[in-house]
Amino acid sequence: MEEENLKFEILKEKISYYKDLLRNLTLLLIAIVGGTASLLFKLNNPVAVILVFPGIILSSGTIVSVFVILDVLRKLIKEMEQCQKK
């Protein structure tokens, strides 16, 4: 019984951690996409042209990270539900 409660509390903490990480990654994604979009309006500037490509790469990487964190959260929630059923 005590071991199940401990596992449940650990799962709650992991979910809280990943939820905060997801929130921060989402804010980072919004900032990167906003900066990249603003660079697209200044394509006559040679520096902006150079910086658009890293912005697109960073946006893609952040989107992949968000989906990975969502998958981890989904698995943790399923594990938590199974722990409650026992």
N, C-alpha and C. Protein backbone atom coordinates (compact mmCIF):
# COMPACT_ATOMS: atom_id res chain seq x y z
N MET A 1 0.83 -1.20 0.00
CA MET A 1 0.00 0.00 0.00
C MET A 1 0.87 1.26 0.00
N GLU A 2 1.87 1.26 0.86
CA GLU A 2 2.76 2.42 0.96
C GLU A 2 3.56 2.61 -0.33
N GLU A 3 3.94 1.48 -0.94
CA GLU A 3 4.71 1.54 -2.18
C GLU A 3 3.86 2.13 -3.32
N GLU A 4 2.58 1.79 -3.36
CA GLU A 4 1.69 2.32 -4.39
C GLU A 4 1.48 3.83 -4.21
N ASN A 5 1.36 4.27 -2.97
CA ASN A 5 1.22 5.71 -2.71
C ASN A 5 2.47 6.46 -3.13
N LEU A 6 3.62 5.87 -2.86
CA LEU A 6 4.88 6.50 -3.24
C LEU A 6 4.99 6.60 -4.77
N LYS A 7 4.62 5.52 -5.47
CA LYS A 7 4.66 5.53 -6.93
C LYS A 7 3.70 6.57 -7.49
N PHE A 8 2.52 6.67 -6.87
CA PHE A 8 1.52 7.64 -7.30
C PHE A 8 2.04 9.06 -7.13
N GLU A 9 2.69 9.35 -6.02
CA GLU A 9 3.24 10.69 -5.76
C GLU A 9 4.38 11.01 -6.73
N ILE A 10 5.19 10.02 -7.03
CA ILE A 10 6.28 10.22 -7.99
C ILE A 10 5.71 10.54 -9.37
N LEU A 11 4.66 9.82 -9.77
CA LEU A 11 4.02 10.09 -11.05
C LEU A 11 3.42 11.50 -11.08
N LYS A 12 2.83 11.93 -9.98
CA LYS A 12 2.27 13.28 -9.92
C LYS A 12 3.36 14.32 -10.11
N GLU A 13 4.52 14.12 -9.50
CA GLU A 13 5.62 15.06 -9.62
C GLU A 13 6.18 15.07 -11.05
N LYS A 14 6.28 13.90 -11.67
CA LYS A 14 6.76 13.83 -13.05
C LYS A 14 5.80 14.55 -13.99
N ILE A 15 4.50 14.35 -13.78
CA ILE A 15 3.51 15.02 -14.62
C ILE A 15 3.60 16.52 -14.44
N SER A 16 3.78 16.97 -13.22
CA SER A 16 3.91 18.41 -12.96
C SER A 16 5.16 18.97 -13.65
N TYR A 17 6.25 18.22 -13.59
CA TYR A 17 7.50 18.66 -14.23
C TYR A 17 7.32 18.78 -15.74
N TYR A 18 6.76 17.75 -16.36
CA TYR A 18 6.59 17.76 -17.81
C TYR A 18 5.56 18.79 -18.25
N LYS A 19 4.57 19.05 -17.40
CA LYS A 19 3.58 20.08 -17.73
C LYS A 19 4.24 21.45 -17.76
N ASP A 20 5.11 21.73 -16.79
CA ASP A 20 5.84 23.00 -16.80
C ASP A 20 6.79 23.10 -17.99
N LEU A 21 7.44 21.99 -18.31
CA LEU A 21 8.33 21.96 -19.46
C LEU A 21 7.56 22.21 -20.75
N LEU A 22 6.37 21.63 -20.87
CA LEU A 22 5.54 21.84 -22.05
C LEU A 22 5.12 23.30 -22.16
N ARG A 23 4.77 23.91 -21.04
CA ARG A 23 4.39 25.33 -21.05
C ARG A 23 5.56 26.20 -21.52
N ASN A 24 6.74 25.92 -21.01
CA ASN A 24 7.92 26.72 -21.39
C ASN A 24 8.29 26.51 -22.86
N LEU A 25 8.19 25.27 -23.33
CA LEU A 25 8.49 25.01 -24.75
C LEU A 25 7.48 25.69 -25.65
N THR A 26 6.22 25.74 -25.23
CA THR A 26 5.20 26.41 -26.04
C THR A 26 5.49 27.90 -26.13
N LEU A 27 5.88 28.51 -25.02
CA LEU A 27 6.23 29.92 -25.05
C LEU A 27 7.47 30.17 -25.92
N LEU A 28 8.43 29.27 -25.83
CA LEU A 28 9.62 29.39 -26.67
C LEU A 28 9.25 29.27 -28.15
N LEU A 29 8.35 28.35 -28.46
CA LEU A 29 7.91 28.18 -29.84
C LEU A 29 7.23 29.44 -30.36
N ILE A 30 6.38 30.04 -29.55
CA ILE A 30 5.71 31.28 -29.95
C ILE A 30 6.73 32.38 -30.22
N ALA A 31 7.73 32.49 -29.36
CA ALA A 31 8.75 33.52 -29.54
C ALA A 31 9.58 33.29 -30.80
N ILE A 32 9.98 32.05 -31.03
CA ILE A 32 10.80 31.75 -32.21
C ILE A 32 10.02 31.97 -33.49
N VAL A 33 8.77 31.50 -33.51
CA VAL A 33 7.96 31.66 -34.72
C VAL A 33 7.67 33.14 -34.97
N GLY A 34 7.44 33.90 -33.92
CA GLY A 34 7.22 35.34 -34.08
C GLY A 34 8.44 36.05 -34.63
N GLY A 35 9.60 35.69 -34.12
CA GLY A 35 10.83 36.30 -34.62
C GLY A 35 11.12 35.91 -36.05
N THR A 36 10.89 34.66 -36.38
CA THR A 36 11.11 34.20 -37.75
C THR A 36 10.14 34.86 -38.72
N ALA A 37 8.89 35.00 -38.29
CA ALA A 37 7.90 35.66 -39.14
C ALA A 37 8.26 37.12 -39.37
N SER A 38 8.76 37.78 -38.34
CA SER A 38 9.14 39.19 -38.53
C SER A 38 10.34 39.31 -39.46
N LEU A 39 11.23 38.30 -39.44
CA LEU A 39 12.36 38.32 -40.37
C LEU A 39 11.91 38.12 -41.81
N LEU A 40 10.83 37.38 -41.99
CA LEU A 40 10.34 37.15 -43.35
C LEU A 40 9.84 38.44 -44.00
N PHE A 41 9.43 39.41 -43.19
CA PHE A 41 8.98 40.68 -43.73
C PHE A 41 10.15 41.60 -44.11
N LYS A 42 11.36 41.23 -43.70
CA LYS A 42 12.54 42.06 -43.97
C LYS A 42 13.53 41.33 -44.88
N LEU A 43 13.05 40.65 -45.87
CA LEU A 43 13.94 39.84 -46.70
C LEU A 43 14.87 40.66 -47.59
N ASN A 44 14.65 41.98 -47.67
CA ASN A 44 15.58 42.79 -48.45
C ASN A 44 16.89 43.04 -47.66
N ASN A 45 16.88 42.77 -46.37
CA ASN A 45 18.07 42.89 -45.54
C ASN A 45 18.84 41.56 -45.60
N PRO A 46 20.13 41.58 -45.96
CA PRO A 46 20.88 40.32 -46.10
C PRO A 46 21.04 39.55 -44.78
N VAL A 47 21.09 40.25 -43.67
CA VAL A 47 21.21 39.58 -42.38
C VAL A 47 19.93 38.81 -42.06
N ALA A 48 18.78 39.38 -42.40
CA ALA A 48 17.51 38.72 -42.15
C ALA A 48 17.39 37.44 -42.97
N VAL A 49 17.88 37.47 -44.19
CA VAL A 49 17.83 36.28 -45.05
C VAL A 49 18.64 35.14 -44.42
N ILE A 50 19.79 35.50 -43.87
CA ILE A 50 20.65 34.49 -43.23
C ILE A 50 20.00 33.93 -41.98
N LEU A 51 19.33 34.76 -41.20
CA LEU A 51 18.75 34.33 -39.93
C LEU A 51 17.41 33.61 -40.06
N VAL A 52 16.79 33.66 -41.21
CA VAL A 52 15.51 32.97 -41.40
C VAL A 52 15.69 31.46 -41.31
N PHE A 53 16.74 30.94 -41.90
CA PHE A 53 16.95 29.50 -41.92
C PHE A 53 17.18 28.89 -40.54
N PRO A 54 18.02 29.48 -39.68
CA PRO A 54 18.11 28.94 -38.31
C PRO A 54 16.79 29.06 -37.55
N GLY A 55 16.02 30.11 -37.84
CA GLY A 55 14.72 30.25 -37.19
C GLY A 55 13.77 29.13 -37.56
N ILE A 56 13.80 28.75 -38.83
CA ILE A 56 12.94 27.65 -39.28
C ILE A 56 13.40 26.33 -38.66
N ILE A 57 14.69 26.13 -38.58
CA ILE A 57 15.22 24.91 -37.98
C ILE A 57 14.88 24.84 -36.50
N LEU A 58 15.06 25.96 -35.78
CA LEU A 58 14.71 25.99 -34.36
C LEU A 58 13.21 25.78 -34.14
N SER A 59 12.40 26.35 -35.01
CA SER A 59 10.95 26.15 -34.90
C SER A 59 10.59 24.68 -35.08
N SER A 60 11.20 24.06 -36.06
CA SER A 60 10.92 22.64 -36.31
C SER A 60 11.35 21.77 -35.13
N GLY A 61 12.52 22.04 -34.60
CA GLY A 61 12.99 21.28 -33.44
C GLY A 61 12.12 21.47 -32.21
N THR A 62 11.65 22.68 -32.01
CA THR A 62 10.78 22.95 -30.86
C THR A 62 9.43 22.27 -31.03
N ILE A 63 8.91 22.25 -32.25
CA ILE A 63 7.64 21.56 -32.50
C ILE A 63 7.78 20.07 -32.21
N VAL A 64 8.88 19.47 -32.65
CA VAL A 64 9.12 18.06 -32.38
C VAL A 64 9.22 17.82 -30.88
N SER A 65 9.90 18.71 -30.16
CA SER A 65 10.03 18.59 -28.71
C SER A 65 8.68 18.66 -28.01
N VAL A 66 7.81 19.54 -28.48
CA VAL A 66 6.48 19.66 -27.89
C VAL A 66 5.71 18.35 -28.07
N PHE A 67 5.79 17.76 -29.26
CA PHE A 67 5.07 16.51 -29.48
C PHE A 67 5.66 15.36 -28.66
N VAL A 68 6.96 15.34 -28.46
CA VAL A 68 7.58 14.31 -27.63
C VAL A 68 7.11 14.45 -26.18
N ILE A 69 7.08 15.68 -25.67
CA ILE A 69 6.63 15.91 -24.30
C ILE A 69 5.16 15.54 -24.15
N LEU A 70 4.34 15.84 -25.16
CA LEU A 70 2.93 15.45 -25.11
C LEU A 70 2.78 13.93 -25.05
N ASP A 71 3.61 13.21 -25.79
CA ASP A 71 3.57 11.75 -25.75
C ASP A 71 3.98 11.22 -24.39
N VAL A 72 5.02 11.80 -23.81
CA VAL A 72 5.47 11.38 -22.47
C VAL A 72 4.38 11.65 -21.44
N LEU A 73 3.74 12.81 -21.53
CA LEU A 73 2.66 13.13 -20.60
C LEU A 73 1.50 12.15 -20.75
N ARG A 74 1.16 11.79 -21.97
CA ARG A 74 0.07 10.85 -22.21
C ARG A 74 0.39 9.50 -21.57
N LYS A 75 1.62 9.04 -21.72
CA LYS A 75 2.03 7.76 -21.11
C LYS A 75 2.01 7.82 -19.59
N LEU A 76 2.47 8.94 -19.03
CA LEU A 76 2.47 9.08 -17.58
C LEU A 76 1.05 9.11 -17.02
N ILE A 77 0.14 9.75 -17.72
CA ILE A 77 -1.25 9.81 -17.26
C ILE A 77 -1.87 8.42 -17.31
N LYS A 78 -1.59 7.65 -18.36
CA LYS A 78 -2.10 6.28 -18.43
C LYS A 78 -1.54 5.43 -17.30
N GLU A 79 -0.26 5.59 -17.02
CA GLU A 79 0.36 4.85 -15.93
C GLU A 79 -0.25 5.25 -14.58
N MET A 80 -0.55 6.52 -14.44
CA MET A 80 -1.17 7.00 -13.21
C MET A 80 -2.59 6.42 -13.03
N GLU A 81 -3.33 6.34 -14.13
CA GLU A 81 -4.67 5.75 -14.07
C GLU A 81 -4.59 4.27 -13.71
N GLN A 82 -3.61 3.55 -14.24
CA GLN A 82 -3.44 2.14 -13.89
C GLN A 82 -3.05 1.98 -12.43
N CYS A 83 -2.26 2.92 -11.94
CA CYS A 83 -1.85 2.87 -10.54
C CYS A 83 -3.05 3.10 -9.61
N GLN A 84 -3.97 3.94 -10.02
CA GLN A 84 -5.16 4.21 -9.21
C GLN A 84 -6.11 3.02 -9.19
N LYS A 85 -6.17 2.27 -10.28
CA LYS A 85 -7.08 1.15 -10.37
C LYS A 85 -6.67 0.00 -9.45
N LYS A 86 -5.40 -0.10 -9.16
CA LYS A 86 -4.90 -1.20 -8.32
C LYS A 86 -5.32 -1.08 -6.89
